[in-house]
Amino acid sequence: MTTQTDQTEISTLISRFFRALDERKFEDGWARSYFTDDVRTVTPIGASGGIEAMNDTKEAVERYARTQHIASDVLVDVEDASGTATASWNALMTHVHHDATVQQRGKEADPLFTVGGRYETELRRTHEGWRISLLSAQVIWTTGQPPVFSAESRPTPAS
């Protein structure tokens, strides 16, 4: 049964995570404020496992001059007996390319790469509060162009 407290705590965790991405709050240990040590991520650019793999998220955000991530319609289901939950939400993610990227692509290049999508997560209740153990992002639509990823910069598939 999902309580109002669980709904609020999980929704706040999601909002704080998105805000940390946009404000570039990547101090040491930043990911442990949002994720379990064994977190798994699945995104359009690859899959990763373990808290250290959250550096892939940091690096992806830093490919842009600025970002704005907006979460809406957060739906939460808690399994109280196991201390686990699922949450999903719609997301609008706007990425502003660095000037160098726009210049490289030419004067007609779109300075924005915008993504509409949905996130699906699994969470665990820990001593520190709710933490995300699985983060899966599904793209529904895009406008503009993503940054160019080299083979070396793609996340390593999770085992």
Protein backbone atom coordinates (compact mmCIF):
# COMPACT_ATOMS: atom_id res chain seq x y z
CA MET A 1 0.00 0.00 0.00
CA THR A 2 1.36 3.39 -1.00
CA THR A 3 1.11 6.01 1.72
CA GLN A 4 1.12 9.74 1.12
CA THR A 5 4.51 9.83 2.87
CA ASP A 6 5.98 7.25 0.46
CA GLN A 7 4.53 9.11 -2.54
CA THR A 8 6.01 12.39 -1.32
CA GLU A 9 9.42 10.92 -0.47
CA ILE A 10 9.77 9.14 -3.81
CA SER A 11 8.51 12.10 -5.85
CA THR A 12 10.93 14.37 -3.98
CA LEU A 13 13.82 11.96 -4.64
CA ILE A 14 13.03 12.08 -8.38
CA SER A 15 12.78 15.89 -8.39
CA ARG A 16 16.05 16.24 -6.45
CA PHE A 17 17.82 13.87 -8.87
CA PHE A 18 16.67 15.84 -11.92
CA ARG A 19 17.59 19.12 -10.22
CA ALA A 20 21.07 17.76 -9.37
CA LEU A 21 21.57 16.92 -13.06
CA ASP A 22 20.56 20.41 -14.16
CA GLU A 23 22.60 22.16 -11.47
CA ARG A 24 25.58 19.85 -12.10
CA LYS A 25 25.78 18.83 -8.43
CA PHE A 26 28.27 16.01 -8.87
CA GLU A 27 30.35 16.27 -5.71
CA ASP A 28 31.95 13.08 -4.37
CA GLY A 29 29.32 10.50 -3.48
CA TRP A 30 26.52 12.41 -5.23
CA ALA A 31 24.95 9.29 -6.71
CA ARG A 32 24.46 7.61 -3.30
CA SER A 33 21.92 10.31 -2.47
CA TYR A 34 19.64 8.83 -5.14
CA PHE A 35 20.74 5.27 -5.98
CA THR A 36 21.58 1.95 -4.37
CA ASP A 37 25.15 0.67 -4.71
CA ASP A 38 23.96 -2.04 -7.13
CA VAL A 39 21.84 0.27 -9.30
CA ARG A 40 21.20 -0.76 -12.90
CA THR A 41 20.47 1.76 -15.63
CA VAL A 42 19.03 1.27 -19.08
CA THR A 43 19.05 4.24 -21.46
CA PRO A 44 19.06 4.73 -25.22
CA ILE A 45 22.88 4.94 -25.18
CA GLY A 46 23.42 1.73 -23.22
CA ALA A 47 23.10 -0.15 -19.96
CA SER A 48 25.25 0.19 -16.86
CA GLY A 49 25.48 -1.43 -13.47
CA GLY A 50 26.76 -0.32 -10.08
CA ILE A 51 26.99 3.05 -8.40
CA GLU A 52 30.28 3.83 -10.18
CA ALA A 53 28.44 3.58 -13.50
CA MET A 54 26.46 6.68 -12.55
CA ASN A 55 29.51 8.55 -13.82
CA ASP A 56 28.05 7.75 -17.27
CA THR A 57 25.07 9.94 -16.37
CA LYS A 58 27.36 12.73 -15.19
CA GLU A 59 29.40 12.53 -18.40
CA ALA A 60 26.25 12.50 -20.56
CA VAL A 61 24.93 15.68 -18.92
CA GLU A 62 28.31 17.40 -19.24
CA ARG A 63 28.16 16.94 -23.02
CA TYR A 64 25.79 19.93 -22.98
CA ALA A 65 26.17 23.56 -21.95
CA ARG A 66 22.91 23.39 -19.97
CA THR A 67 20.02 21.01 -19.40
CA GLN A 68 16.52 21.13 -18.01
CA HIS A 69 14.81 17.92 -16.88
CA ILE A 70 11.12 18.05 -15.99
CA ALA A 71 9.29 15.13 -14.36
CA SER A 72 5.50 14.95 -14.29
CA ASP A 73 2.71 12.54 -13.45
CA VAL A 74 4.78 10.48 -10.99
CA LEU A 75 2.98 7.21 -10.26
CA VAL A 76 4.19 5.21 -7.25
CA ASP A 77 3.33 1.69 -6.06
CA VAL A 78 4.86 0.51 -2.78
CA GLU A 79 5.16 -3.10 -1.62
CA ASP A 80 5.40 -2.37 2.09
CA ALA A 81 6.25 -5.92 3.20
CA SER A 82 9.38 -6.06 1.02
CA GLY A 83 10.34 -2.39 1.37
CA THR A 84 10.34 -1.98 -2.40
CA ALA A 85 8.48 0.26 -4.80
CA THR A 86 8.06 1.06 -8.46
CA ALA A 87 7.66 4.53 -9.87
CA SER A 88 7.13 5.86 -13.36
CA TRP A 89 6.86 9.36 -14.73
CA ASN A 90 6.76 11.37 -17.92
CA ALA A 91 9.84 13.45 -18.63
CA LEU A 92 10.70 16.38 -20.84
CA MET A 93 14.45 16.83 -21.18
CA THR A 94 15.91 19.84 -22.95
CA HIS A 95 19.63 19.89 -23.72
CA VAL A 96 21.46 23.01 -24.91
CA HIS A 97 24.48 22.17 -27.05
CA HIS A 98 27.86 23.76 -26.36
CA ASP A 99 28.64 26.59 -28.80
CA ALA A 100 31.46 24.47 -30.27
CA THR A 101 29.00 21.70 -31.18
CA VAL A 102 26.66 24.14 -32.93
CA GLN A 103 29.56 25.77 -34.79
CA GLN A 104 30.88 22.38 -35.87
CA ARG A 105 27.47 21.42 -37.27
CA GLY A 106 26.97 24.71 -39.11
CA LYS A 107 24.96 27.88 -38.76
CA GLU A 108 21.66 26.11 -39.45
CA ALA A 109 22.21 23.62 -36.62
CA ASP A 110 19.59 23.44 -33.89
CA PRO A 111 21.16 24.47 -30.58
CA LEU A 112 18.69 22.25 -28.72
CA PHE A 113 18.26 18.51 -28.41
CA THR A 114 14.90 17.83 -26.77
CA VAL A 115 13.61 14.46 -25.62
CA GLY A 116 10.15 13.45 -24.50
CA GLY A 117 10.07 10.18 -22.68
CA ARG A 118 9.10 8.05 -19.75
CA TYR A 119 11.10 6.68 -16.84
CA GLU A 120 10.40 3.38 -15.10
CA THR A 121 12.15 2.70 -11.81
CA GLU A 122 12.44 0.20 -9.02
CA LEU A 123 13.28 1.52 -5.57
CA ARG A 124 14.31 0.15 -2.17
CA ARG A 125 13.72 1.59 1.25
CA THR A 126 17.12 2.00 2.94
CA HIS A 127 18.28 3.46 6.27
CA GLU A 128 18.88 6.72 4.36
CA GLY A 129 15.42 6.68 2.76
CA TRP A 130 14.18 5.56 -0.66
CA ARG A 131 16.88 4.86 -3.27
CA ILE A 132 16.54 3.91 -6.94
CA SER A 133 17.83 0.39 -7.76
CA LEU A 134 16.75 0.35 -11.44
CA LEU A 135 16.43 3.38 -13.70
CA SER A 136 15.10 2.81 -17.20
CA ALA A 137 14.53 5.64 -19.66
CA GLN A 138 12.38 5.20 -22.75
CA VAL A 139 12.45 7.79 -25.50
CA ILE A 140 9.07 8.58 -27.07
CA TRP A 141 10.15 11.47 -29.32
CA THR A 142 13.07 13.78 -30.02
CA THR A 143 13.81 17.02 -31.84
CA GLY A 144 17.25 18.29 -32.79
CA GLN A 145 20.40 16.20 -32.80
CA PRO A 146 22.09 14.40 -29.92
CA PRO A 147 25.81 14.88 -29.35
CA VAL A 148 28.14 12.58 -31.23
CA PHE A 149 29.21 9.62 -29.10
CA SER A 150 32.42 7.81 -29.85
CA ALA A 151 32.62 4.05 -29.30
CA GLU A 152 34.88 4.69 -26.28
CA SER A 153 32.39 7.04 -24.62
CA ARG A 154 29.44 4.67 -24.61
CA PRO A 155 28.54 3.04 -21.29
CA THR A 156 29.65 -0.54 -20.76
CA PRO A 157 26.79 -3.03 -20.92
CA ALA A 158 25.71 -4.28 -17.49
CA SER A 159 26.34 -7.95 -16.82
